[in-house]
Amino acid sequence: KKKKKKKKKKKKLMKKSTKIFTGLFAFTFMFAACDQLAFDFTQELVKEFIVEILSGSNGQGTVSVTEQLNLKDGDLDKHRDKIKSAEVKSVVVRFADYVGKDSAMYSGAFQMPNLLPDIYYMNDLDISDYAKNNKELVIYEKDGTSFPDDANFPGDELIAALNEQLLNPTMDQIDFVYTLSGTEFPVVFKATLAVNFNASVGPN
């Protein structure tokens, strides 16, 4: 009888131990799963487009290109509904595949009309130099260059609106308009708008 009682006690202890172990395992698994959902990532959204200024009027060649920056891309699209914060680090334009006269100076303008009606006006730029030497036209850089050519442009407002739309799961794209004007043509080149940002994904 004593042996049977001892066996029953052992079985009860084993059952309790198994329940405690199972509970601890489940808790640890859930904690780990939640912890994995909280992370940061960096991404660059890019849009390539071709700029052609083939002729002009009264010695002035002008072109205005309207394009869309796709937000349904990469980690941003994958984690859009779980992103807790997003911060734009830089907005730049890159140039490549330039065909035209050397030292072709062009002034420019940049706008994201569905975020802000204001237009950012840019000083003369040697497109051929930027394209051949892989220079970036920095429009905005956190803790650095911020819309340097136009002191009256509300750059902080545009970046704040851009940060907000990165968090908006219903916003699929952002329109932008890039305008160039100069006296040298024909000119053809590839331009790339690049928006680099950091984002934090939080647990549900």
C-alpha atoms as a PDB file:
ATOM      1  CA  LYS A   1       0.000   0.000   0.000  1.00  0.00           C
ATOM      2  CA  LYS A   2       2.812   2.405   0.901  1.00  0.00           C
ATOM      3  CA  LYS A   3       4.473   1.699  -2.452  1.00  0.00           C
ATOM      4  CA  LYS A   4       1.237   2.467  -4.318  1.00  0.00           C
ATOM      5  CA  LYS A   5       0.820   5.741  -2.426  1.00  0.00           C
ATOM      6  CA  LYS A   6       4.403   6.703  -3.264  1.00  0.00           C
ATOM      7  CA  LYS A   7       3.799   5.937  -6.956  1.00  0.00           C
ATOM      8  CA  LYS A   8       0.639   8.074  -6.963  1.00  0.00           C
ATOM      9  CA  LYS A   9       2.519  10.956  -5.345  1.00  0.00           C
ATOM     10  CA  LYS A  10       5.291  10.657  -7.947  1.00  0.00           C
ATOM     11  CA  LYS A  11       2.729  10.703 -10.780  1.00  0.00           C
ATOM     12  CA  LYS A  12       1.056  13.820  -9.325  1.00  0.00           C
ATOM     13  CA  LEU A  13       4.407  15.564  -8.966  1.00  0.00           C
ATOM     14  CA  MET A  14       5.334  14.641 -12.542  1.00  0.00           C
ATOM     15  CA  LYS A  15       2.019  15.993 -13.828  1.00  0.00           C
ATOM     16  CA  LYS A  16       2.503  19.267 -11.929  1.00  0.00           C
ATOM     17  CA  SER A  17       6.093  19.581 -13.180  1.00  0.00           C
ATOM     18  CA  THR A  18       4.951  18.934 -16.759  1.00  0.00           C
ATOM     19  CA  LYS A  19       2.234  21.602 -16.460  1.00  0.00           C
ATOM     20  CA  ILE A  20       4.691  24.140 -15.029  1.00  0.00           C
ATOM     21  CA  PHE A  21       7.258  23.362 -17.737  1.00  0.00           C
ATOM     22  CA  THR A  22       4.630  23.596 -20.477  1.00  0.00           C
ATOM     23  CA  GLY A  23       3.392  26.903 -19.091  1.00  0.00           C
ATOM     24  CA  LEU A  24       6.889  28.342 -18.891  1.00  0.00           C
ATOM     25  CA  PHE A  25       7.669  27.164 -22.426  1.00  0.00           C
ATOM     26  CA  ALA A  26       4.488  28.728 -23.784  1.00  0.00           C
ATOM     27  CA  PHE A  27       5.205  32.015 -21.988  1.00  0.00           C
ATOM     28  CA  THR A  28       8.795  32.064 -23.240  1.00  0.00           C
ATOM     29  CA  PHE A  29       7.654  31.328 -26.803  1.00  0.00           C
ATOM     30  CA  MET A  30       5.052  34.106 -26.709  1.00  0.00           C
ATOM     31  CA  PHE A  31       7.553  36.576 -25.253  1.00  0.00           C
ATOM     32  CA  ALA A  32      10.126  35.669 -27.906  1.00  0.00           C
ATOM     33  CA  ALA A  33       7.544  35.983 -30.685  1.00  0.00           C
ATOM     34  CA  CYS A  34       6.487  39.425 -29.463  1.00  0.00           C
ATOM     35  CA  ASP A  35      10.095  40.494 -29.091  1.00  0.00           C
ATOM     36  CA  GLN A  36      10.862  39.436 -32.675  1.00  0.00           C
ATOM     37  CA  LEU A  37       8.108  41.715 -33.963  1.00  0.00           C
ATOM     38  CA  ALA A  38       9.824  44.790 -32.523  1.00  0.00           C
ATOM     39  CA  PHE A  39      12.710  45.897 -34.764  1.00  0.00           C
ATOM     40  CA  ASP A  40      14.081  48.789 -36.822  1.00  0.00           C
ATOM     41  CA  PHE A  41      14.885  48.873 -40.511  1.00  0.00           C
ATOM     42  CA  THR A  42      16.361  51.280 -43.048  1.00  0.00           C
ATOM     43  CA  GLN A  43      15.090  51.511 -46.606  1.00  0.00           C
ATOM     44  CA  GLU A  44      15.586  53.620 -49.701  1.00  0.00           C
ATOM     45  CA  LEU A  45      12.650  54.358 -51.995  1.00  0.00           C
ATOM     46  CA  VAL A  46      13.782  55.158 -55.536  1.00  0.00           C
ATOM     47  CA  LYS A  47      12.216  56.289 -58.786  1.00  0.00           C
ATOM     48  CA  GLU A  48      14.210  56.470 -62.023  1.00  0.00           C
ATOM     49  CA  PHE A  49      13.037  58.663 -64.893  1.00  0.00           C
ATOM     50  CA  ILE A  50      14.379  60.045 -68.168  1.00  0.00           C
ATOM     51  CA  VAL A  51      14.769  63.794 -68.725  1.00  0.00           C
ATOM     52  CA  GLU A  52      14.858  65.071 -72.311  1.00  0.00           C
ATOM     53  CA  ILE A  53      15.309  68.708 -73.311  1.00  0.00           C
ATOM     54  CA  LEU A  54      15.495  68.505 -77.067  1.00  0.00           C
ATOM     55  CA  SER A  55      14.596  72.037 -78.085  1.00  0.00           C
ATOM     56  CA  GLY A  56      13.722  75.422 -76.633  1.00  0.00           C
ATOM     57  CA  SER A  57      11.858  78.638 -77.165  1.00  0.00           C
ATOM     58  CA  ASN A  58      13.639  82.016 -77.315  1.00  0.00           C
ATOM     59  CA  GLY A  59      16.893  80.254 -76.425  1.00  0.00           C
ATOM     60  CA  GLN A  60      15.434  78.636 -73.308  1.00  0.00           C
ATOM     61  CA  GLY A  61      14.810  74.905 -72.916  1.00  0.00           C
ATOM     62  CA  THR A  62      12.410  73.770 -70.215  1.00  0.00           C
ATOM     63  CA  VAL A  63      11.003  70.407 -69.182  1.00  0.00           C
ATOM     64  CA  SER A  64       8.704  69.386 -66.356  1.00  0.00           C
ATOM     65  CA  VAL A  65       8.538  65.707 -65.376  1.00  0.00           C
ATOM     66  CA  THR A  66       5.770  64.299 -63.165  1.00  0.00           C
ATOM     67  CA  GLU A  67       6.419  60.892 -61.597  1.00  0.00           C
ATOM     68  CA  GLN A  68       5.323  58.748 -58.654  1.00  0.00           C
ATOM     69  CA  LEU A  69       7.389  57.414 -55.769  1.00  0.00           C
ATOM     70  CA  ASN A  70       6.074  53.937 -54.997  1.00  0.00           C
ATOM     71  CA  LEU A  71       5.431  53.248 -51.299  1.00  0.00           C
ATOM     72  CA  LYS A  72       4.318  49.645 -51.806  1.00  0.00           C
ATOM     73  CA  ASP A  73       7.870  48.355 -51.814  1.00  0.00           C
ATOM     74  CA  GLY A  74      10.154  46.214 -49.654  1.00  0.00           C
ATOM     75  CA  ASP A  75       9.951  46.253 -45.865  1.00  0.00           C
ATOM     76  CA  LEU A  76       7.783  49.371 -45.910  1.00  0.00           C
ATOM     77  CA  ASP A  77       5.035  47.524 -47.756  1.00  0.00           C
ATOM     78  CA  LYS A  78       5.540  44.318 -45.763  1.00  0.00           C
ATOM     79  CA  HIS A  79       5.270  45.928 -42.315  1.00  0.00           C
ATOM     80  CA  ARG A  80       3.216  49.051 -43.099  1.00  0.00           C
ATOM     81  CA  ASP A  81       0.376  48.311 -40.641  1.00  0.00           C
ATOM     82  CA  LYS A  82       2.830  47.612 -37.786  1.00  0.00           C
ATOM     83  CA  ILE A  83       5.205  50.572 -38.219  1.00  0.00           C
ATOM     84  CA  LYS A  84       5.136  52.794 -35.139  1.00  0.00           C
ATOM     85  CA  SER A  85       7.446  55.560 -36.360  1.00  0.00           C
ATOM     86  CA  ALA A  86       9.278  56.601 -39.529  1.00  0.00           C
ATOM     87  CA  GLU A  87      11.877  59.295 -40.135  1.00  0.00           C
ATOM     88  CA  VAL A  88      13.243  60.505 -43.460  1.00  0.00           C
ATOM     89  CA  LYS A  89      17.051  60.675 -43.377  1.00  0.00           C
ATOM     90  CA  SER A  90      17.707  62.115 -46.831  1.00  0.00           C
ATOM     91  CA  VAL A  91      16.174  63.154 -50.148  1.00  0.00           C
ATOM     92  CA  VAL A  92      18.595  63.232 -53.084  1.00  0.00           C
ATOM     93  CA  VAL A  93      18.616  63.254 -56.880  1.00  0.00           C
ATOM     94  CA  ARG A  94      21.214  61.223 -58.792  1.00  0.00           C
ATOM     95  CA  PHE A  95      22.149  61.675 -62.438  1.00  0.00           C
ATOM     96  CA  ALA A  96      23.508  59.209 -65.009  1.00  0.00           C
ATOM     97  CA  ASP A  97      23.792  58.451 -68.750  1.00  0.00           C
ATOM     98  CA  TYR A  98      24.192  62.108 -69.662  1.00  0.00           C
ATOM     99  CA  VAL A  99      24.203  63.012 -73.359  1.00  0.00           C
ATOM    100  CA  GLY A 100      24.739  66.659 -74.295  1.00  0.00           C
ATOM    101  CA  LYS A 101      27.127  69.578 -74.105  1.00  0.00           C
ATOM    102  CA  ASP A 102      29.579  69.774 -71.209  1.00  0.00           C
ATOM    103  CA  SER A 103      28.878  72.413 -68.562  1.00  0.00           C
ATOM    104  CA  ALA A 104      25.179  72.603 -69.346  1.00  0.00           C
ATOM    105  CA  MET A 105      23.801  74.740 -66.532  1.00  0.00           C
ATOM    106  CA  TYR A 106      20.191  74.188 -65.534  1.00  0.00           C
ATOM    107  CA  SER A 107      18.098  75.712 -62.766  1.00  0.00           C
ATOM    108  CA  GLY A 108      15.405  73.517 -61.268  1.00  0.00           C
ATOM    109  CA  ALA A 109      12.309  73.191 -59.148  1.00  0.00           C
ATOM    110  CA  PHE A 110      10.989  70.326 -57.043  1.00  0.00           C
ATOM    111  CA  GLN A 111       7.521  69.712 -55.629  1.00  0.00           C
ATOM    112  CA  MET A 112       5.484  66.987 -53.918  1.00  0.00           C
ATOM    113  CA  PRO A 113       2.042  68.492 -54.626  1.00  0.00           C
ATOM    114  CA  ASN A 114      -0.089  65.991 -52.703  1.00  0.00           C
ATOM    115  CA  LEU A 115       1.965  66.708 -49.564  1.00  0.00           C
ATOM    116  CA  LEU A 116       2.618  70.441 -49.860  1.00  0.00           C
ATOM    117  CA  PRO A 117       1.618  73.047 -52.481  1.00  0.00           C
ATOM    118  CA  ASP A 118       4.899  74.994 -52.093  1.00  0.00           C
ATOM    119  CA  ILE A 119       7.627  74.617 -54.739  1.00  0.00           C
ATOM    120  CA  TYR A 120      11.328  74.310 -53.895  1.00  0.00           C
ATOM    121  CA  TYR A 121      13.443  76.339 -56.342  1.00  0.00           C
ATOM    122  CA  MET A 122      17.029  75.250 -56.997  1.00  0.00           C
ATOM    123  CA  ASN A 123      20.067  77.193 -58.217  1.00  0.00           C
ATOM    124  CA  ASP A 124      21.920  76.519 -61.476  1.00  0.00           C
ATOM    125  CA  LEU A 125      23.402  73.044 -61.646  1.00  0.00           C
ATOM    126  CA  ASP A 126      25.945  71.536 -64.051  1.00  0.00           C
ATOM    127  CA  ILE A 127      24.089  68.303 -64.863  1.00  0.00           C
ATOM    128  CA  SER A 128      26.991  66.877 -66.901  1.00  0.00           C
ATOM    129  CA  ASP A 129      29.403  67.296 -63.963  1.00  0.00           C
ATOM    130  CA  TYR A 130      27.016  65.595 -61.542  1.00  0.00           C
ATOM    131  CA  ALA A 131      26.344  62.719 -63.942  1.00  0.00           C
ATOM    132  CA  LYS A 132      29.966  62.053 -64.935  1.00  0.00           C
ATOM    133  CA  ASN A 133      31.328  62.289 -61.376  1.00  0.00           C
ATOM    134  CA  ASN A 134      28.489  60.432 -59.629  1.00  0.00           C
ATOM    135  CA  LYS A 135      27.581  63.430 -57.484  1.00  0.00           C
ATOM    136  CA  GLU A 136      24.302  63.549 -55.609  1.00  0.00           C
ATOM    137  CA  LEU A 137      22.100  66.625 -55.557  1.00  0.00           C
ATOM    138  CA  VAL A 138      21.207  66.755 -51.862  1.00  0.00           C
ATOM    139  CA  ILE A 139      17.785  68.290 -51.338  1.00  0.00           C
ATOM    140  CA  TYR A 140      17.492  67.262 -47.707  1.00  0.00           C
ATOM    141  CA  GLU A 141      19.741  65.508 -45.223  1.00  0.00           C
ATOM    142  CA  LYS A 142      18.869  65.166 -41.540  1.00  0.00           C
ATOM    143  CA  ASP A 143      21.318  67.098 -39.347  1.00  0.00           C
ATOM    144  CA  GLY A 144      22.901  68.486 -42.497  1.00  0.00           C
ATOM    145  CA  THR A 145      21.745  70.046 -45.760  1.00  0.00           C
ATOM    146  CA  SER A 146      18.100  71.095 -45.729  1.00  0.00           C
ATOM    147  CA  PHE A 147      16.670  72.683 -48.888  1.00  0.00           C
ATOM    148  CA  PRO A 148      19.770  74.931 -49.219  1.00  0.00           C
ATOM    149  CA  ASP A 149      18.813  76.932 -52.323  1.00  0.00           C
ATOM    150  CA  ASP A 150      15.543  78.399 -51.067  1.00  0.00           C
ATOM    151  CA  ALA A 151      15.517  79.890 -47.563  1.00  0.00           C
ATOM    152  CA  ASN A 152      11.768  80.553 -47.758  1.00  0.00           C
ATOM    153  CA  PHE A 153      10.777  76.981 -48.552  1.00  0.00           C
ATOM    154  CA  PRO A 154       9.019  75.234 -45.610  1.00  0.00           C
ATOM    155  CA  GLY A 155      11.238  72.166 -45.723  1.00  0.00           C
ATOM    156  CA  ASP A 156      10.328  71.002 -42.218  1.00  0.00           C
ATOM    157  CA  GLU A 157       6.661  70.873 -43.221  1.00  0.00           C
ATOM    158  CA  LEU A 158       7.396  68.756 -46.290  1.00  0.00           C
ATOM    159  CA  ILE A 159       9.550  66.265 -44.353  1.00  0.00           C
ATOM    160  CA  ALA A 160       6.932  66.030 -41.572  1.00  0.00           C
ATOM    161  CA  ALA A 161       4.234  65.317 -44.177  1.00  0.00           C
ATOM    162  CA  LEU A 162       6.480  62.728 -45.834  1.00  0.00           C
ATOM    163  CA  ASN A 163       7.123  61.011 -42.480  1.00  0.00           C
ATOM    164  CA  GLU A 164       3.381  60.916 -41.866  1.00  0.00           C
ATOM    165  CA  GLN A 165       2.590  59.339 -45.220  1.00  0.00           C
ATOM    166  CA  LEU A 166       5.192  56.612 -44.683  1.00  0.00           C
ATOM    167  CA  LEU A 167       2.965  55.512 -41.773  1.00  0.00           C
ATOM    168  CA  ASN A 168      -0.245  55.751 -43.783  1.00  0.00           C
ATOM    169  CA  PRO A 169      -1.213  52.253 -45.035  1.00  0.00           C
ATOM    170  CA  THR A 170      -3.716  53.743 -47.501  1.00  0.00           C
ATOM    171  CA  MET A 171      -1.082  55.830 -49.314  1.00  0.00           C
ATOM    172  CA  ASP A 172       0.357  53.807 -52.216  1.00  0.00           C
ATOM    173  CA  GLN A 173       2.440  56.483 -53.899  1.00  0.00           C
ATOM    174  CA  ILE A 174       3.622  60.078 -53.638  1.00  0.00           C
ATOM    175  CA  ASP A 175       3.590  62.337 -56.694  1.00  0.00           C
ATOM    176  CA  PHE A 176       6.557  64.574 -57.403  1.00  0.00           C
ATOM    177  CA  VAL A 177       7.308  67.144 -60.088  1.00  0.00           C
ATOM    178  CA  TYR A 178      10.859  67.909 -61.241  1.00  0.00           C
ATOM    179  CA  THR A 179      11.332  70.927 -63.522  1.00  0.00           C
ATOM    180  CA  LEU A 180      14.534  72.034 -65.284  1.00  0.00           C
ATOM    181  CA  SER A 181      15.276  75.104 -67.345  1.00  0.00           C
ATOM    182  CA  GLY A 182      18.449  76.133 -69.217  1.00  0.00           C
ATOM    183  CA  THR A 183      19.976  77.450 -72.420  1.00  0.00           C
ATOM    184  CA  GLU A 184      21.915  74.348 -73.524  1.00  0.00           C
ATOM    185  CA  PHE A 185      20.076  71.697 -75.545  1.00  0.00           C
ATOM    186  CA  PRO A 186      19.586  69.009 -76.702  1.00  0.00           C
ATOM    187  CA  VAL A 187      20.218  67.299 -73.365  1.00  0.00           C
ATOM    188  CA  VAL A 188      19.186  63.782 -72.300  1.00  0.00           C
ATOM    189  CA  PHE A 189      19.954  62.023 -69.012  1.00  0.00           C
ATOM    190  CA  LYS A 190      18.598  59.608 -66.429  1.00  0.00           C
ATOM    191  CA  ALA A 191      17.628  60.966 -63.026  1.00  0.00           C
ATOM    192  CA  THR A 192      16.793  59.077 -59.835  1.00  0.00           C
ATOM    193  CA  LEU A 193      14.900  60.454 -56.869  1.00  0.00           C
ATOM    194  CA  ALA A 194      15.969  58.592 -53.711  1.00  0.00           C
ATOM    195  CA  VAL A 195      14.302  58.930 -50.297  1.00  0.00           C
ATOM    196  CA  ASN A 196      16.144  57.166 -47.467  1.00  0.00           C
ATOM    197  CA  PHE A 197      14.385  56.589 -44.145  1.00  0.00           C
ATOM    198  CA  ASN A 198      14.469  54.672 -40.861  1.00  0.00           C
ATOM    199  CA  ALA A 199      11.407  52.981 -39.407  1.00  0.00           C
ATOM    200  CA  SER A 200      10.514  51.176 -36.176  1.00  0.00           C
ATOM    201  CA  VAL A 201       8.150  48.205 -36.166  1.00  0.00           C
ATOM    202  CA  GLY A 202       6.399  47.473 -32.876  1.00  0.00           C
ATOM    203  CA  PRO A 203       4.567  44.410 -31.529  1.00  0.00           C
ATOM    204  CA  ASN A 204       0.807  44.184 -32.042  1.00  0.00           C
END
